Amino acid sequence: MPIIAPSMLSADFLKLGAEIEMINNSAADWFHLDVMDGRFVPNISYGMPIIAQMRKASTKTFDVHLMVEEPERYLADFKKAGADYLTVHYETGYHLHRTLTSIRALGMKAGLAINPHTPVDAVADLLQDIDLLLVMSINPGFGGQQFLPLTYGKIRRAKELITLAGTNTLIEIDGGVTLDNAAEIIAAGADVLVAGNTVFSAADPTDAIKRLKQTGK
């Protein structure tokens, strides 16, 4: 079964404690936390103080996705805030190897994200240095976008490269994941599904998470 990571960007922040408790008690595995700086993407979300407060109320893995310029400046801060996985974007990095090894040295799992226009082969030489490859299936910055079909081929290619590299790198898909396309995404080779609106806009979010979790059984 896939790892399910509800995206807190879609949560109702007026009742954030209740949303966290719902995920704690659901079949979800991780919390997916999108950090945006208004520079790398045209949106601003939340940062370390909010994540640190959420960490106090949560019982599951924190999967923190940095959509920010110069992410290497903030690695220790996100470790302190409670990140378990810390993902940076390929497109932001001048010294990616150093950044990724620094994330691991701080005791976190290292993730690397690629935008829709970035070919998977561009990160082939970095697979030994990452625990998670996040394949963006939308253009990053805003929730509620439609899944880009080109992602299926990228997932299959990522799986091929990971097999060739002999690593245990997880493939995570973020953007436009729904109950209708989840099975095809998993069949292509994905391990982790990030879901925002599919969970938090559902009449029964706990049931939506359960149904995503059962994908591919």
Protein backbone atom coordinates (compact mmCIF):
# COMPACT_ATOMS: atom_id res chain seq x y z
CA MET A 1 0.00 0.00 0.00
CA PRO A 2 1.19 3.53 -0.71
CA ILE A 3 2.33 6.03 1.90
CA ILE A 4 -0.34 8.73 2.21
CA ALA A 5 0.75 12.28 3.05
CA PRO A 6 -2.12 14.77 3.37
CA SER A 7 -0.99 18.26 2.36
CA MET A 8 -1.61 20.71 5.18
CA LEU A 9 -1.69 23.59 2.69
CA SER A 10 -5.31 22.58 2.06
CA ALA A 11 -6.27 22.30 5.73
CA ASP A 12 -8.58 24.76 7.48
CA PHE A 13 -6.17 26.83 9.56
CA LEU A 14 -9.02 28.18 11.69
CA LYS A 15 -9.34 24.66 13.10
CA LEU A 16 -5.80 23.45 12.62
CA GLY A 17 -5.70 21.48 15.88
CA ALA A 18 -8.75 19.48 14.83
CA GLU A 19 -7.31 18.87 11.37
CA ILE A 20 -4.07 17.54 12.89
CA GLU A 21 -6.00 15.29 15.25
CA MET A 22 -8.03 13.95 12.32
CA ILE A 23 -4.83 12.96 10.51
CA ASN A 24 -3.36 11.51 13.71
CA ASN A 25 -6.38 9.20 13.95
CA SER A 26 -6.59 8.35 10.24
CA ALA A 27 -4.82 5.85 7.98
CA ALA A 28 -2.44 8.60 6.81
CA ASP A 29 1.27 7.97 7.29
CA TRP A 30 2.82 11.42 7.00
CA PHE A 31 2.01 15.12 7.21
CA HIS A 32 3.10 16.93 4.04
CA LEU A 33 4.15 20.51 4.80
CA ASP A 34 4.68 22.98 1.94
CA VAL A 35 6.95 25.92 2.70
CA MET A 36 6.85 28.71 0.10
CA ASP A 37 8.79 31.97 0.07
CA GLY A 38 7.11 34.00 -2.66
CA ARG A 39 10.32 33.93 -4.69
CA PHE A 40 10.87 30.39 -5.93
CA VAL A 41 7.08 30.11 -6.30
CA PRO A 42 4.57 32.99 -6.51
CA ASN A 43 2.90 32.07 -3.22
CA ILE A 44 3.76 32.39 0.48
CA SER A 45 2.65 29.76 2.98
CA TYR A 46 4.10 29.14 6.45
CA GLY A 47 7.48 28.49 8.00
CA MET A 48 9.32 27.15 11.01
CA PRO A 49 7.17 28.63 13.83
CA ILE A 50 3.95 27.09 12.51
CA ILE A 51 5.61 23.73 11.85
CA ALA A 52 7.09 23.72 15.35
CA GLN A 53 3.64 24.28 16.86
CA MET A 54 2.08 21.58 14.66
CA ARG A 55 4.82 19.17 15.71
CA LYS A 56 3.62 19.44 19.33
CA ALA A 57 0.18 18.12 18.36
CA SER A 58 1.14 15.49 15.80
CA THR A 59 2.20 11.87 16.09
CA LYS A 60 3.31 11.09 12.51
CA THR A 61 6.21 11.74 10.17
CA PHE A 62 6.74 15.35 9.04
CA ASP A 63 7.49 15.52 5.31
CA VAL A 64 8.64 19.12 4.74
CA HIS A 65 8.84 20.38 1.15
CA LEU A 66 10.89 23.56 0.72
CA MET A 67 9.81 25.64 -2.27
CA VAL A 68 12.27 28.38 -1.39
CA GLU A 69 15.39 30.05 -2.72
CA GLU A 70 18.65 29.24 -0.92
CA PRO A 71 17.20 26.34 1.10
CA GLU A 72 20.66 25.52 2.46
CA ARG A 73 20.32 28.53 4.79
CA TYR A 74 17.47 26.93 6.74
CA LEU A 75 18.29 23.25 7.13
CA ALA A 76 19.09 23.31 10.85
CA ASP A 77 16.05 25.49 11.54
CA PHE A 78 13.70 22.96 9.98
CA LYS A 79 15.37 20.14 11.88
CA LYS A 80 14.73 22.07 15.09
CA ALA A 81 11.11 22.69 14.03
CA GLY A 82 10.52 18.95 13.68
CA ALA A 83 11.13 17.89 10.08
CA ASP A 84 11.74 14.17 9.50
CA TYR A 85 12.07 14.41 5.72
CA LEU A 86 13.39 17.65 4.24
CA THR A 87 13.02 18.12 0.49
CA VAL A 88 14.73 20.81 -1.57
CA HIS A 89 14.25 21.60 -5.25
CA TYR A 90 16.75 20.59 -7.91
CA GLU A 91 16.04 23.90 -9.64
CA THR A 92 17.30 25.98 -6.70
CA GLY A 93 20.61 24.26 -6.11
CA TYR A 94 24.12 25.34 -7.03
CA HIS A 95 25.66 22.87 -4.58
CA LEU A 96 23.02 20.19 -4.27
CA HIS A 97 25.32 17.41 -3.13
CA ARG A 98 26.48 19.54 -0.21
CA THR A 99 22.91 20.47 0.71
CA LEU A 100 21.64 16.90 0.55
CA THR A 101 24.50 15.49 2.60
CA SER A 102 23.99 18.29 5.13
CA ILE A 103 20.33 17.31 5.54
CA ARG A 104 21.36 13.75 6.32
CA ALA A 105 24.14 14.90 8.64
CA LEU A 106 21.51 16.77 10.66
CA GLY A 107 19.62 13.51 11.17
CA MET A 108 16.85 14.01 8.61
CA LYS A 109 15.95 12.07 5.48
CA ALA A 110 16.96 13.97 2.35
CA GLY A 111 14.47 14.66 -0.42
CA LEU A 112 14.95 16.16 -3.87
CA ALA A 113 12.05 17.65 -5.85
CA ILE A 114 11.83 18.22 -9.60
CA ASN A 115 9.42 20.52 -11.42
CA PRO A 116 7.41 19.30 -14.44
CA HIS A 117 9.93 20.73 -16.94
CA THR A 118 12.94 19.03 -15.29
CA PRO A 119 13.82 15.61 -16.76
CA VAL A 120 14.25 12.78 -14.28
CA ASP A 121 17.63 11.91 -15.78
CA ALA A 122 18.97 15.24 -14.50
CA VAL A 123 19.01 13.84 -10.96
CA ALA A 124 20.37 10.37 -11.76
CA ASP A 125 23.78 11.13 -10.24
CA LEU A 126 22.18 12.24 -6.97
CA LEU A 127 20.07 9.16 -6.23
CA GLN A 128 22.72 7.80 -3.85
CA ASP A 129 22.35 10.98 -1.79
CA ILE A 130 18.56 11.07 -1.39
CA ASP A 131 15.89 9.08 0.40
CA LEU A 132 12.98 10.63 -1.49
CA LEU A 133 12.45 11.87 -5.05
CA LEU A 134 9.48 14.22 -5.23
CA VAL A 135 8.11 14.41 -8.77
CA MET A 136 5.90 17.49 -9.08
CA SER A 137 2.79 16.61 -11.08
CA ILE A 138 1.70 20.26 -11.24
CA ASN A 139 3.61 23.53 -11.43
CA PRO A 140 4.41 24.27 -7.79
CA GLY A 141 2.95 27.10 -5.76
CA PHE A 142 -0.80 26.54 -5.51
CA GLY A 143 -3.10 23.67 -4.62
CA GLY A 144 -6.12 22.59 -6.62
CA GLN A 145 -4.36 22.21 -9.99
CA GLN A 146 -4.94 19.40 -12.49
CA PHE A 147 -2.53 16.46 -12.60
CA LEU A 148 -0.15 16.64 -15.58
CA PRO A 149 -0.29 13.35 -17.58
CA LEU A 150 3.41 13.63 -18.54
CA THR A 151 4.09 12.64 -14.92
CA TYR A 152 3.33 8.96 -15.56
CA GLY A 153 6.33 8.61 -17.87
CA LYS A 154 8.52 10.45 -15.37
CA ILE A 155 7.49 8.06 -12.60
CA ARG A 156 8.35 5.04 -14.74
CA ARG A 157 11.72 6.54 -15.68
CA ALA A 158 12.45 7.38 -12.05
CA LYS A 159 11.74 3.79 -11.06
CA GLU A 160 14.12 2.55 -13.76
CA LEU A 161 16.92 4.84 -12.58
CA ILE A 162 16.41 3.94 -8.93
CA THR A 163 16.55 0.24 -9.78
CA LEU A 164 19.75 0.78 -11.78
CA ALA A 165 21.27 2.76 -8.92
CA GLY A 166 20.35 0.06 -6.42
CA THR A 167 18.93 2.56 -3.92
CA ASN A 168 15.79 2.49 -1.78
CA THR A 169 14.73 5.98 -2.85
CA LEU A 170 10.99 6.57 -2.48
CA ILE A 171 9.07 8.24 -5.32
CA GLU A 172 6.61 10.84 -4.11
CA ILE A 173 3.95 12.49 -6.28
CA ASP A 174 2.60 15.92 -5.39
CA GLY A 175 -0.17 17.73 -7.22
CA GLY A 176 -3.58 16.79 -8.56
CA VAL A 177 -3.68 13.37 -6.87
CA THR A 178 -7.30 12.15 -6.73
CA LEU A 179 -9.22 8.98 -5.98
CA ASP A 180 -9.64 8.60 -9.75
CA ASN A 181 -5.96 8.66 -10.73
CA ALA A 182 -4.26 7.27 -7.60
CA ALA A 183 -4.27 3.66 -8.83
CA GLU A 184 -2.60 4.59 -12.13
CA ILE A 185 0.02 6.67 -10.28
CA ILE A 186 0.85 3.73 -8.01
CA ALA A 187 0.92 1.32 -10.97
CA ALA A 188 3.51 3.56 -12.66
CA GLY A 189 5.79 3.10 -9.64
CA ALA A 190 5.01 5.80 -7.06
CA ASP A 191 5.43 5.06 -3.35
CA VAL A 192 4.06 8.22 -1.70
CA LEU A 193 0.90 10.16 -2.57
CA VAL A 194 0.52 13.76 -1.45
CA ALA A 195 -3.14 14.76 -1.39
CA GLY A 196 -4.55 18.15 -0.44
CA ASN A 197 -8.00 18.99 -1.79
CA THR A 198 -8.82 15.30 -2.25
CA VAL A 199 -8.59 14.91 1.52
CA PHE A 200 -9.59 18.24 3.01
CA SER A 201 -12.43 19.05 0.58
CA ALA A 202 -13.99 15.61 0.98
CA ALA A 203 -17.25 15.20 2.87
CA ASP A 204 -15.43 12.61 4.97
CA PRO A 205 -11.65 13.29 4.96
CA THR A 206 -10.88 10.20 7.03
CA ASP A 207 -12.66 7.99 4.49
CA ALA A 208 -10.85 9.72 1.60
CA ILE A 209 -7.51 8.94 3.27
CA LYS A 210 -8.57 5.33 3.84
CA ARG A 211 -9.54 4.93 0.18
CA LEU A 212 -6.23 6.42 -1.00
CA LYS A 213 -4.38 4.08 1.35
CA GLN A 214 -6.15 1.07 -0.13
CA THR A 215 -5.08 2.00 -3.66
CA GLY A 216 -3.29 -0.84 -5.39
CA LYS A 217 -4.25 -3.53 -2.88
